[in-house]
N, C-alpha and C. Protein backbone atom coordinates (compact mmCIF):
# COMPACT_ATOMS: atom_id res chain seq x y z
N MET A 1 -23.81 -40.90 -50.75
CA MET A 1 -23.52 -41.76 -49.62
C MET A 1 -24.21 -41.26 -48.36
N LEU A 2 -24.27 -39.97 -48.15
CA LEU A 2 -24.88 -39.42 -46.94
C LEU A 2 -26.37 -39.14 -47.09
N ALA A 3 -26.95 -39.51 -48.23
CA ALA A 3 -28.36 -39.19 -48.48
C ALA A 3 -29.30 -39.79 -47.45
N ASN A 4 -28.99 -40.98 -46.95
CA ASN A 4 -29.89 -41.61 -45.97
C ASN A 4 -29.42 -41.42 -44.53
N TRP A 5 -28.53 -40.48 -44.30
CA TRP A 5 -28.04 -40.19 -42.95
C TRP A 5 -28.93 -39.14 -42.30
N LYS A 6 -29.08 -39.25 -41.00
CA LYS A 6 -29.78 -38.23 -40.24
C LYS A 6 -28.79 -37.11 -39.91
N LEU A 7 -29.34 -35.92 -39.69
CA LEU A 7 -28.49 -34.77 -39.39
C LEU A 7 -27.65 -35.03 -38.14
N LYS A 8 -28.25 -35.65 -37.12
CA LYS A 8 -27.50 -35.90 -35.89
C LYS A 8 -26.34 -36.86 -36.11
N GLU A 9 -26.45 -37.77 -37.09
CA GLU A 9 -25.34 -38.66 -37.40
C GLU A 9 -24.20 -37.90 -38.06
N VAL A 10 -24.53 -36.99 -38.93
CA VAL A 10 -23.51 -36.16 -39.59
C VAL A 10 -22.83 -35.27 -38.55
N VAL A 11 -23.62 -34.71 -37.64
CA VAL A 11 -23.07 -33.84 -36.60
C VAL A 11 -22.14 -34.64 -35.68
N LEU A 12 -22.59 -35.83 -35.25
CA LEU A 12 -21.75 -36.66 -34.38
C LEU A 12 -20.45 -37.05 -35.09
N MET A 13 -20.56 -37.45 -36.35
CA MET A 13 -19.38 -37.83 -37.12
C MET A 13 -18.40 -36.65 -37.21
N SER A 14 -18.93 -35.46 -37.44
CA SER A 14 -18.10 -34.27 -37.54
C SER A 14 -17.45 -33.93 -36.20
N LEU A 15 -18.21 -34.05 -35.13
CA LEU A 15 -17.68 -33.80 -33.79
C LEU A 15 -16.55 -34.78 -33.47
N LEU A 16 -16.78 -36.05 -33.75
CA LEU A 16 -15.74 -37.06 -33.52
C LEU A 16 -14.49 -36.75 -34.35
N ALA A 17 -14.69 -36.32 -35.59
CA ALA A 17 -13.55 -35.99 -36.45
C ALA A 17 -12.72 -34.85 -35.87
N VAL A 18 -13.38 -33.84 -35.34
CA VAL A 18 -12.66 -32.71 -34.75
C VAL A 18 -11.89 -33.16 -33.50
N VAL A 19 -12.58 -33.88 -32.63
CA VAL A 19 -11.94 -34.35 -31.39
C VAL A 19 -10.74 -35.22 -31.71
N PHE A 20 -10.92 -36.19 -32.61
CA PHE A 20 -9.81 -37.09 -32.93
C PHE A 20 -8.74 -36.41 -33.77
N GLY A 21 -9.10 -35.41 -34.58
CA GLY A 21 -8.08 -34.64 -35.29
C GLY A 21 -7.12 -33.97 -34.31
N ILE A 22 -7.66 -33.46 -33.21
CA ILE A 22 -6.82 -32.86 -32.16
C ILE A 22 -5.99 -33.93 -31.46
N ILE A 23 -6.63 -35.04 -31.12
CA ILE A 23 -5.91 -36.15 -30.47
C ILE A 23 -4.78 -36.65 -31.37
N TYR A 24 -5.06 -36.77 -32.66
CA TYR A 24 -4.04 -37.25 -33.60
C TYR A 24 -2.82 -36.33 -33.61
N LEU A 25 -3.07 -35.02 -33.59
CA LEU A 25 -1.95 -34.08 -33.60
C LEU A 25 -1.15 -34.16 -32.30
N VAL A 26 -1.84 -34.33 -31.19
CA VAL A 26 -1.15 -34.49 -29.90
C VAL A 26 -0.27 -35.74 -29.93
N PHE A 27 -0.82 -36.84 -30.46
CA PHE A 27 -0.04 -38.08 -30.50
C PHE A 27 1.12 -38.02 -31.49
N LEU A 28 1.06 -37.13 -32.47
CA LEU A 28 2.21 -36.93 -33.33
C LEU A 28 3.39 -36.45 -32.48
N HIS A 29 3.12 -35.55 -31.55
CA HIS A 29 4.18 -35.03 -30.68
C HIS A 29 4.63 -36.09 -29.68
N VAL A 30 3.69 -36.89 -29.17
CA VAL A 30 4.06 -38.01 -28.29
C VAL A 30 5.00 -38.95 -29.05
N GLY A 31 4.65 -39.25 -30.29
CA GLY A 31 5.50 -40.12 -31.12
C GLY A 31 6.87 -39.51 -31.38
N ASN A 32 6.91 -38.21 -31.59
CA ASN A 32 8.20 -37.53 -31.81
C ASN A 32 9.10 -37.67 -30.59
N ILE A 33 8.53 -37.48 -29.41
CA ILE A 33 9.32 -37.60 -28.18
C ILE A 33 9.80 -39.03 -28.00
N TRP A 34 8.88 -39.98 -28.18
CA TRP A 34 9.24 -41.39 -27.98
C TRP A 34 10.25 -41.86 -29.02
N SER A 35 10.09 -41.41 -30.27
CA SER A 35 11.04 -41.85 -31.30
C SER A 35 12.43 -41.27 -31.08
N SER A 36 12.52 -40.14 -30.38
CA SER A 36 13.85 -39.61 -30.06
C SER A 36 14.57 -40.53 -29.07
N LEU A 37 13.81 -41.34 -28.36
CA LEU A 37 14.40 -42.27 -27.39
C LEU A 37 14.68 -43.65 -27.98
N ILE A 38 13.76 -44.17 -28.81
CA ILE A 38 13.94 -45.55 -29.30
C ILE A 38 13.99 -45.66 -30.82
N GLY A 39 13.89 -44.57 -31.52
CA GLY A 39 13.98 -44.61 -32.98
C GLY A 39 12.61 -44.61 -33.64
N PRO A 40 12.59 -44.68 -34.97
CA PRO A 40 11.34 -44.53 -35.72
C PRO A 40 10.31 -45.63 -35.46
N ILE A 41 10.73 -46.75 -34.93
CA ILE A 41 9.78 -47.82 -34.66
C ILE A 41 8.81 -47.43 -33.54
N ALA A 42 9.10 -46.36 -32.82
CA ALA A 42 8.24 -45.90 -31.73
C ALA A 42 6.83 -45.61 -32.22
N TYR A 43 6.71 -45.04 -33.40
CA TYR A 43 5.38 -44.72 -33.94
C TYR A 43 4.52 -45.96 -34.11
N GLU A 44 5.14 -47.07 -34.46
CA GLU A 44 4.38 -48.30 -34.71
C GLU A 44 3.61 -48.73 -33.46
N TRP A 45 4.19 -48.52 -32.29
CA TRP A 45 3.55 -48.92 -31.04
C TRP A 45 2.27 -48.15 -30.76
N ILE A 46 2.19 -46.91 -31.25
CA ILE A 46 1.02 -46.07 -30.98
C ILE A 46 0.18 -45.81 -32.23
N PHE A 47 0.51 -46.44 -33.33
CA PHE A 47 -0.17 -46.15 -34.60
C PHE A 47 -1.67 -46.39 -34.54
N GLY A 48 -2.12 -47.32 -33.71
CA GLY A 48 -3.55 -47.60 -33.58
C GLY A 48 -4.38 -46.39 -33.19
N VAL A 49 -3.76 -45.44 -32.52
CA VAL A 49 -4.47 -44.21 -32.14
C VAL A 49 -5.05 -43.55 -33.38
N TRP A 50 -4.29 -43.55 -34.48
CA TRP A 50 -4.71 -42.84 -35.69
C TRP A 50 -5.82 -43.55 -36.45
N PHE A 51 -6.29 -44.69 -35.97
CA PHE A 51 -7.41 -45.39 -36.61
C PHE A 51 -8.69 -45.31 -35.78
N LEU A 52 -8.60 -44.72 -34.61
CA LEU A 52 -9.72 -44.77 -33.66
C LEU A 52 -11.02 -44.16 -34.19
N VAL A 53 -10.96 -43.00 -34.81
CA VAL A 53 -12.21 -42.34 -35.19
C VAL A 53 -13.01 -43.18 -36.17
N SER A 54 -12.36 -43.88 -37.07
CA SER A 54 -13.10 -44.69 -38.03
C SER A 54 -13.86 -45.81 -37.35
N ILE A 55 -13.24 -46.42 -36.36
CA ILE A 55 -13.87 -47.54 -35.65
C ILE A 55 -14.95 -47.05 -34.71
N VAL A 56 -14.69 -45.97 -33.98
CA VAL A 56 -15.68 -45.42 -33.06
C VAL A 56 -16.91 -44.94 -33.81
N ALA A 57 -16.71 -44.16 -34.86
CA ALA A 57 -17.85 -43.63 -35.62
C ALA A 57 -18.67 -44.76 -36.24
N MET A 58 -18.01 -45.74 -36.82
CA MET A 58 -18.74 -46.85 -37.44
C MET A 58 -19.51 -47.66 -36.41
N ALA A 59 -18.90 -47.91 -35.27
CA ALA A 59 -19.56 -48.71 -34.23
C ALA A 59 -20.82 -48.03 -33.71
N ILE A 60 -20.87 -46.71 -33.79
CA ILE A 60 -22.04 -45.96 -33.31
C ILE A 60 -23.06 -45.76 -34.42
N ILE A 61 -22.63 -45.29 -35.59
CA ILE A 61 -23.54 -44.90 -36.67
C ILE A 61 -23.98 -46.10 -37.52
N ARG A 62 -23.06 -47.00 -37.82
CA ARG A 62 -23.35 -48.27 -38.49
C ARG A 62 -23.96 -48.11 -39.88
N LYS A 63 -23.35 -47.24 -40.66
CA LYS A 63 -23.78 -47.03 -42.05
C LYS A 63 -22.55 -46.97 -42.94
N PRO A 64 -22.68 -47.37 -44.21
CA PRO A 64 -21.54 -47.28 -45.13
C PRO A 64 -20.98 -45.86 -45.16
N GLY A 65 -19.66 -45.77 -45.09
CA GLY A 65 -18.98 -44.48 -45.09
C GLY A 65 -18.66 -43.96 -43.71
N ALA A 66 -19.24 -44.57 -42.67
CA ALA A 66 -19.05 -44.07 -41.31
C ALA A 66 -17.65 -44.33 -40.77
N ALA A 67 -16.84 -45.09 -41.48
CA ALA A 67 -15.44 -45.26 -41.08
C ALA A 67 -14.53 -44.35 -41.89
N VAL A 68 -14.71 -44.34 -43.19
CA VAL A 68 -13.77 -43.60 -44.05
C VAL A 68 -13.98 -42.09 -43.98
N ILE A 69 -15.22 -41.63 -43.92
CA ILE A 69 -15.46 -40.18 -43.94
C ILE A 69 -14.87 -39.48 -42.71
N PRO A 70 -15.14 -39.96 -41.49
CA PRO A 70 -14.55 -39.24 -40.35
C PRO A 70 -13.03 -39.35 -40.28
N GLU A 71 -12.47 -40.42 -40.82
CA GLU A 71 -11.01 -40.55 -40.83
C GLU A 71 -10.40 -39.49 -41.74
N VAL A 72 -11.01 -39.25 -42.89
CA VAL A 72 -10.54 -38.20 -43.81
C VAL A 72 -10.74 -36.83 -43.18
N MET A 73 -11.90 -36.64 -42.54
CA MET A 73 -12.17 -35.35 -41.88
C MET A 73 -11.17 -35.09 -40.75
N ALA A 74 -10.88 -36.10 -39.95
CA ALA A 74 -9.92 -35.93 -38.85
C ALA A 74 -8.53 -35.59 -39.40
N ALA A 75 -8.15 -36.21 -40.50
CA ALA A 75 -6.86 -35.90 -41.12
C ALA A 75 -6.84 -34.45 -41.61
N ALA A 76 -7.95 -34.01 -42.19
CA ALA A 76 -8.03 -32.62 -42.67
C ALA A 76 -7.94 -31.64 -41.49
N ILE A 77 -8.60 -31.98 -40.38
CA ILE A 77 -8.52 -31.14 -39.18
C ILE A 77 -7.08 -31.08 -38.68
N GLU A 78 -6.43 -32.23 -38.67
CA GLU A 78 -5.04 -32.29 -38.23
C GLU A 78 -4.14 -31.40 -39.10
N VAL A 79 -4.38 -31.42 -40.40
CA VAL A 79 -3.61 -30.56 -41.32
C VAL A 79 -3.89 -29.09 -41.01
N LEU A 80 -5.16 -28.76 -40.83
CA LEU A 80 -5.53 -27.37 -40.53
C LEU A 80 -4.94 -26.88 -39.22
N LEU A 81 -4.73 -27.81 -38.28
CA LEU A 81 -4.15 -27.45 -36.99
C LEU A 81 -2.62 -27.36 -37.03
N GLY A 82 -2.03 -27.76 -38.17
CA GLY A 82 -0.60 -27.54 -38.31
C GLY A 82 0.28 -28.75 -38.46
N ASN A 83 -0.26 -29.91 -38.77
CA ASN A 83 0.60 -31.07 -39.01
C ASN A 83 1.52 -30.75 -40.18
N ALA A 84 2.81 -30.96 -39.99
CA ALA A 84 3.81 -30.57 -40.98
C ALA A 84 3.76 -31.42 -42.26
N VAL A 85 3.12 -32.57 -42.22
CA VAL A 85 3.02 -33.40 -43.42
C VAL A 85 2.22 -32.68 -44.49
N GLY A 86 1.25 -31.90 -44.08
CA GLY A 86 0.46 -31.12 -45.02
C GLY A 86 -0.65 -31.93 -45.66
N PRO A 87 -1.15 -31.47 -46.79
CA PRO A 87 -2.32 -32.08 -47.43
C PRO A 87 -2.17 -33.57 -47.77
N ARG A 88 -0.96 -34.05 -47.91
CA ARG A 88 -0.76 -35.48 -48.18
C ARG A 88 -1.35 -36.33 -47.05
N LEU A 89 -1.44 -35.76 -45.87
CA LEU A 89 -2.00 -36.47 -44.73
C LEU A 89 -3.47 -36.82 -44.95
N ILE A 90 -4.17 -36.02 -45.72
CA ILE A 90 -5.58 -36.31 -46.01
C ILE A 90 -5.69 -37.61 -46.80
N LEU A 91 -4.77 -37.84 -47.73
CA LEU A 91 -4.75 -39.11 -48.45
C LEU A 91 -4.44 -40.26 -47.51
N THR A 92 -3.56 -40.03 -46.54
CA THR A 92 -3.26 -41.04 -45.53
C THR A 92 -4.53 -41.39 -44.76
N GLY A 93 -5.30 -40.38 -44.37
CA GLY A 93 -6.56 -40.61 -43.68
C GLY A 93 -7.53 -41.43 -44.53
N LEU A 94 -7.55 -41.15 -45.82
CA LEU A 94 -8.42 -41.92 -46.73
C LEU A 94 -8.01 -43.39 -46.75
N VAL A 95 -6.72 -43.66 -46.87
CA VAL A 95 -6.22 -45.03 -46.90
C VAL A 95 -6.55 -45.75 -45.60
N GLN A 96 -6.29 -45.09 -44.47
CA GLN A 96 -6.59 -45.69 -43.16
C GLN A 96 -8.08 -45.97 -43.01
N GLY A 97 -8.90 -45.00 -43.40
CA GLY A 97 -10.34 -45.17 -43.31
C GLY A 97 -10.86 -46.27 -44.21
N LEU A 98 -10.29 -46.40 -45.39
CA LEU A 98 -10.70 -47.49 -46.29
C LEU A 98 -10.35 -48.85 -45.70
N GLY A 99 -9.23 -48.93 -45.02
CA GLY A 99 -8.86 -50.19 -44.36
C GLY A 99 -9.89 -50.58 -43.31
N ALA A 100 -10.26 -49.64 -42.46
CA ALA A 100 -11.26 -49.93 -41.43
C ALA A 100 -12.62 -50.21 -42.06
N GLU A 101 -12.99 -49.43 -43.05
CA GLU A 101 -14.28 -49.60 -43.72
C GLU A 101 -14.39 -50.99 -44.34
N ALA A 102 -13.29 -51.51 -44.86
CA ALA A 102 -13.29 -52.82 -45.50
C ALA A 102 -13.76 -53.92 -44.55
N ALA A 103 -13.38 -53.83 -43.28
CA ALA A 103 -13.78 -54.85 -42.31
C ALA A 103 -15.30 -54.88 -42.14
N PHE A 104 -15.92 -53.73 -42.12
CA PHE A 104 -17.37 -53.67 -41.95
C PHE A 104 -18.08 -54.03 -43.25
N ALA A 105 -17.49 -53.66 -44.39
CA ALA A 105 -18.08 -54.00 -45.68
C ALA A 105 -18.11 -55.51 -45.89
N VAL A 106 -17.08 -56.21 -45.42
CA VAL A 106 -17.03 -57.67 -45.55
C VAL A 106 -18.24 -58.31 -44.85
N THR A 107 -18.69 -57.70 -43.76
CA THR A 107 -19.85 -58.22 -43.04
C THR A 107 -21.16 -57.63 -43.57
N ARG A 108 -21.07 -56.87 -44.64
CA ARG A 108 -22.22 -56.16 -45.22
C ARG A 108 -22.86 -55.22 -44.20
N TYR A 109 -22.00 -54.66 -43.36
CA TYR A 109 -22.43 -53.69 -42.34
C TYR A 109 -23.48 -54.29 -41.40
N ARG A 110 -23.31 -55.57 -41.07
CA ARG A 110 -24.25 -56.25 -40.17
C ARG A 110 -23.63 -56.63 -38.84
N ARG A 111 -22.31 -56.63 -38.75
CA ARG A 111 -21.65 -57.02 -37.50
C ARG A 111 -20.75 -55.89 -37.01
N PHE A 112 -20.87 -55.62 -35.73
CA PHE A 112 -20.09 -54.55 -35.11
C PHE A 112 -19.56 -55.01 -33.76
N ASP A 113 -19.35 -56.32 -33.64
CA ASP A 113 -18.86 -56.89 -32.40
C ASP A 113 -17.34 -56.74 -32.31
N LEU A 114 -16.80 -57.14 -31.18
CA LEU A 114 -15.37 -56.94 -30.93
C LEU A 114 -14.47 -57.57 -32.00
N PRO A 115 -14.71 -58.81 -32.45
CA PRO A 115 -13.83 -59.35 -33.50
C PRO A 115 -13.81 -58.49 -34.78
N VAL A 116 -14.94 -57.91 -35.14
CA VAL A 116 -14.97 -57.06 -36.34
C VAL A 116 -14.27 -55.73 -36.08
N LEU A 117 -14.41 -55.18 -34.88
CA LEU A 117 -13.70 -53.94 -34.54
C LEU A 117 -12.18 -54.18 -34.58
N ILE A 118 -11.76 -55.33 -34.06
CA ILE A 118 -10.33 -55.67 -34.09
C ILE A 118 -9.86 -55.87 -35.53
N LEU A 119 -10.68 -56.54 -36.35
CA LEU A 119 -10.35 -56.71 -37.76
C LEU A 119 -10.22 -55.35 -38.45
N ALA A 120 -11.10 -54.41 -38.10
CA ALA A 120 -11.01 -53.07 -38.67
C ALA A 120 -9.69 -52.40 -38.32
N GLY A 121 -9.25 -52.58 -37.07
CA GLY A 121 -7.95 -52.04 -36.66
C GLY A 121 -6.80 -52.69 -37.40
N VAL A 122 -6.89 -54.01 -37.60
CA VAL A 122 -5.85 -54.74 -38.33
C VAL A 122 -5.80 -54.30 -39.79
N LEU A 123 -6.97 -54.21 -40.44
CA LEU A 123 -6.97 -53.82 -41.86
C LEU A 123 -6.54 -52.37 -42.04
N ALA A 124 -6.91 -51.49 -41.12
CA ALA A 124 -6.42 -50.11 -41.20
C ALA A 124 -4.90 -50.10 -41.09
N SER A 125 -4.36 -50.97 -40.24
CA SER A 125 -2.91 -51.09 -40.09
C SER A 125 -2.25 -51.56 -41.37
N VAL A 126 -2.81 -52.60 -41.96
CA VAL A 126 -2.24 -53.17 -43.18
C VAL A 126 -2.32 -52.17 -44.33
N PHE A 127 -3.48 -51.54 -44.51
CA PHE A 127 -3.64 -50.56 -45.58
C PHE A 127 -2.64 -49.41 -45.39
N SER A 128 -2.56 -48.89 -44.17
CA SER A 128 -1.68 -47.74 -43.93
C SER A 128 -0.22 -48.13 -44.07
N PHE A 129 0.12 -49.35 -43.67
CA PHE A 129 1.50 -49.78 -43.80
C PHE A 129 1.88 -49.92 -45.27
N GLY A 130 0.98 -50.47 -46.07
CA GLY A 130 1.24 -50.57 -47.52
C GLY A 130 1.47 -49.21 -48.14
N TYR A 131 0.63 -48.27 -47.77
CA TYR A 131 0.78 -46.89 -48.26
C TYR A 131 2.10 -46.29 -47.77
N GLY A 132 2.40 -46.50 -46.50
CA GLY A 132 3.65 -46.00 -45.94
C GLY A 132 4.87 -46.64 -46.58
N TYR A 133 4.76 -47.91 -46.91
CA TYR A 133 5.86 -48.61 -47.56
C TYR A 133 6.16 -47.98 -48.92
N LEU A 134 5.11 -47.65 -49.65
CA LEU A 134 5.29 -47.06 -50.97
C LEU A 134 5.87 -45.65 -50.91
N LEU A 135 5.45 -44.87 -49.92
CA LEU A 135 5.87 -43.47 -49.86
C LEU A 135 6.96 -43.17 -48.84
N GLY A 136 7.14 -44.06 -47.87
CA GLY A 136 8.01 -43.75 -46.75
C GLY A 136 9.42 -44.25 -46.83
N GLY A 137 9.79 -44.91 -47.90
CA GLY A 137 11.15 -45.39 -48.03
C GLY A 137 11.46 -46.61 -47.18
N PHE A 138 10.43 -47.36 -46.79
CA PHE A 138 10.65 -48.55 -45.97
C PHE A 138 11.51 -49.59 -46.68
N SER A 139 11.50 -49.56 -48.01
CA SER A 139 12.26 -50.56 -48.77
C SER A 139 13.77 -50.42 -48.53
N ALA A 140 14.20 -49.28 -48.02
CA ALA A 140 15.63 -49.08 -47.72
C ALA A 140 16.02 -49.76 -46.41
N LEU A 141 15.04 -50.19 -45.64
CA LEU A 141 15.31 -50.83 -44.35
C LEU A 141 15.48 -52.33 -44.52
N SER A 142 16.04 -52.96 -43.52
CA SER A 142 16.18 -54.42 -43.51
C SER A 142 14.81 -55.06 -43.57
N PRO A 143 14.64 -56.12 -44.35
CA PRO A 143 13.34 -56.80 -44.43
C PRO A 143 12.83 -57.26 -43.06
N TRP A 144 13.73 -57.69 -42.19
CA TRP A 144 13.31 -58.13 -40.85
C TRP A 144 12.79 -56.96 -40.04
N TYR A 145 13.41 -55.80 -40.19
CA TYR A 145 12.96 -54.61 -39.48
C TYR A 145 11.59 -54.17 -39.99
N VAL A 146 11.40 -54.25 -41.30
CA VAL A 146 10.11 -53.89 -41.90
C VAL A 146 9.02 -54.84 -41.40
N LEU A 147 9.31 -56.13 -41.34
CA LEU A 147 8.33 -57.09 -40.82
C LEU A 147 8.02 -56.83 -39.35
N LEU A 148 9.03 -56.46 -38.58
CA LEU A 148 8.81 -56.11 -37.19
C LEU A 148 7.92 -54.88 -37.09
N MET A 149 8.18 -53.87 -37.91
CA MET A 149 7.34 -52.68 -37.94
C MET A 149 5.89 -53.03 -38.26
N LEU A 150 5.70 -53.86 -39.27
CA LEU A 150 4.35 -54.27 -39.67
C LEU A 150 3.66 -55.02 -38.54
N GLY A 151 4.36 -55.95 -37.92
CA GLY A 151 3.78 -56.72 -36.83
C GLY A 151 3.35 -55.85 -35.66
N ILE A 152 4.20 -54.89 -35.31
CA ILE A 152 3.87 -53.99 -34.20
C ILE A 152 2.70 -53.10 -34.58
N ARG A 153 2.66 -52.62 -35.82
CA ARG A 153 1.54 -51.77 -36.25
C ARG A 153 0.24 -52.56 -36.22
N ILE A 154 0.26 -53.80 -36.68
CA ILE A 154 -0.95 -54.63 -36.65
C ILE A 154 -1.41 -54.84 -35.21
N LEU A 155 -0.47 -55.13 -34.32
CA LEU A 155 -0.80 -55.30 -32.91
C LEU A 155 -1.41 -54.00 -32.34
N SER A 156 -0.82 -52.88 -32.67
CA SER A 156 -1.32 -51.59 -32.21
C SER A 156 -2.72 -51.32 -32.76
N GLY A 157 -2.93 -51.62 -34.02
CA GLY A 157 -4.25 -51.42 -34.62
C GLY A 157 -5.30 -52.30 -33.96
N ALA A 158 -4.93 -53.55 -33.69
CA ALA A 158 -5.87 -54.48 -33.06
C ALA A 158 -6.20 -54.06 -31.63
N VAL A 159 -5.16 -53.72 -30.86
CA VAL A 159 -5.36 -53.43 -29.44
C VAL A 159 -5.88 -52.01 -29.21
N ILE A 160 -5.17 -51.01 -29.73
CA ILE A 160 -5.56 -49.63 -29.46
C ILE A 160 -6.83 -49.26 -30.21
N ALA A 161 -6.85 -49.51 -31.52
CA ALA A 161 -8.00 -49.08 -32.32
C ALA A 161 -9.18 -50.04 -32.16
N GLY A 162 -8.94 -51.34 -32.32
CA GLY A 162 -10.04 -52.30 -32.26
C GLY A 162 -10.59 -52.48 -30.87
N TYR A 163 -9.75 -52.99 -29.97
CA TYR A 163 -10.19 -53.24 -28.60
C TYR A 163 -10.46 -51.94 -27.85
N GLY A 164 -9.52 -50.99 -27.95
CA GLY A 164 -9.69 -49.70 -27.27
C GLY A 164 -10.88 -48.93 -27.80
N GLY A 165 -11.06 -48.96 -29.13
CA GLY A 165 -12.23 -48.30 -29.71
C GLY A 165 -13.53 -48.91 -29.21
N GLY A 166 -13.54 -50.24 -29.09
CA GLY A 166 -14.71 -50.93 -28.54
C GLY A 166 -14.99 -50.51 -27.11
N LEU A 167 -13.94 -50.41 -26.30
CA LEU A 167 -14.12 -49.96 -24.91
C LEU A 167 -14.66 -48.53 -24.86
N LEU A 168 -14.13 -47.68 -25.72
CA LEU A 168 -14.58 -46.29 -25.77
C LEU A 168 -16.06 -46.20 -26.15
N VAL A 169 -16.45 -46.94 -27.16
CA VAL A 169 -17.85 -46.94 -27.60
C VAL A 169 -18.76 -47.49 -26.50
N ASN A 170 -18.35 -48.58 -25.87
CA ASN A 170 -19.17 -49.15 -24.79
C ASN A 170 -19.29 -48.17 -23.63
N GLY A 171 -18.23 -47.45 -23.34
CA GLY A 171 -18.28 -46.43 -22.29
C GLY A 171 -19.25 -45.31 -22.64
N LEU A 172 -19.20 -44.86 -23.88
CA LEU A 172 -20.13 -43.82 -24.33
C LEU A 172 -21.57 -44.33 -24.29
N TYR A 173 -21.76 -45.57 -24.72
CA TYR A 173 -23.09 -46.17 -24.71
C TYR A 173 -23.64 -46.26 -23.29
N ALA A 174 -22.81 -46.60 -22.33
CA ALA A 174 -23.23 -46.75 -20.94
C ALA A 174 -23.72 -45.42 -20.35
N THR A 175 -23.27 -44.30 -20.90
CA THR A 175 -23.72 -43.00 -20.38
C THR A 175 -25.15 -42.67 -20.82
N GLY A 176 -25.65 -43.38 -21.82
CA GLY A 176 -26.98 -43.10 -22.35
C GLY A 176 -26.99 -42.03 -23.43
N SER A 177 -25.82 -41.51 -23.77
CA SER A 177 -25.75 -40.42 -24.75
C SER A 177 -25.92 -40.89 -26.20
N LEU A 178 -25.95 -42.19 -26.42
CA LEU A 178 -26.07 -42.71 -27.79
C LEU A 178 -27.45 -43.32 -28.05
N ARG A 179 -28.44 -42.97 -27.25
CA ARG A 179 -29.77 -43.57 -27.36
C ARG A 179 -30.39 -43.44 -28.74
N GLY A 180 -30.17 -42.36 -29.43
CA GLY A 180 -30.82 -42.14 -30.71
C GLY A 180 -30.05 -42.66 -31.92
N TYR A 181 -29.03 -43.46 -31.70
CA TYR A 181 -28.18 -43.92 -32.80
C TYR A 181 -28.38 -45.42 -33.04
N ALA A 182 -27.87 -45.88 -34.16
CA ALA A 182 -28.04 -47.28 -34.56
C ALA A 182 -27.52 -48.25 -33.51
N ILE A 183 -26.44 -47.91 -32.83
CA ILE A 183 -25.89 -48.80 -31.81
C ILE A 183 -26.94 -49.10 -30.74
N ALA A 184 -27.69 -48.09 -30.31
CA ALA A 184 -28.70 -48.29 -29.26
C ALA A 184 -29.86 -49.12 -29.77
N ARG A 185 -30.29 -48.85 -31.00
CA ARG A 185 -31.41 -49.63 -31.57
C ARG A 185 -31.04 -51.09 -31.70
N GLN A 186 -29.83 -51.36 -32.18
CA GLN A 186 -29.43 -52.76 -32.37
C GLN A 186 -29.20 -53.47 -31.05
N LYS A 187 -28.68 -52.78 -30.05
CA LYS A 187 -28.50 -53.41 -28.73
C LYS A 187 -29.85 -53.66 -28.08
N ARG A 188 -30.78 -52.73 -28.25
CA ARG A 188 -32.12 -52.91 -27.70
C ARG A 188 -32.82 -54.09 -28.37
N ASP A 189 -32.71 -54.17 -29.70
CA ASP A 189 -33.35 -55.27 -30.44
C ASP A 189 -32.73 -56.61 -30.08
N ALA A 190 -31.44 -56.62 -29.78
CA ALA A 190 -30.76 -57.88 -29.42
C ALA A 190 -31.23 -58.39 -28.07
N ARG A 191 -31.65 -57.48 -27.18
CA ARG A 191 -32.14 -57.88 -25.86
C ARG A 191 -33.55 -58.44 -25.91
N VAL A 192 -34.32 -58.05 -26.92
CA VAL A 192 -35.73 -58.47 -27.02
C VAL A 192 -35.87 -59.87 -27.54
């Protein structure tokens, strides 16, 4: 999968994975504090944060695997930094990354506009919720509560990961630091 990647793409993907692995661990603590105030549904409001690296990396690199690989790497970094979930979290990262990757695969890796970024956030939400439902005991909850959780997670994935990820990428692009990546080539070609 990485055979046709440039070294700088692998380095950027790895850097993003480390940065977001740290951010993910910080937001675990934010979620813990917030859930002590409003209950376990608090995590659903911020769940989109945990999908950001897949969307940001894909929007910049624009190659198959650019969503799922950094999401798995960020989860591994989070585990190494001390997330109490342990190695099972790496599988969670894989599921989340596959959800985001699916949105780009549907377009055959040709579209990276805001609607596709939002779709990536939504699909990462749906994939992760399905996985969480199977392992997290959600079936013991009221069906209405579970649907509310799903709805909030989808909203979080769309807004925080999709829209927010798009804003983050556009901000990075505006600095000129992404000139040598696929995002810059495609934006330049679109202007011509």
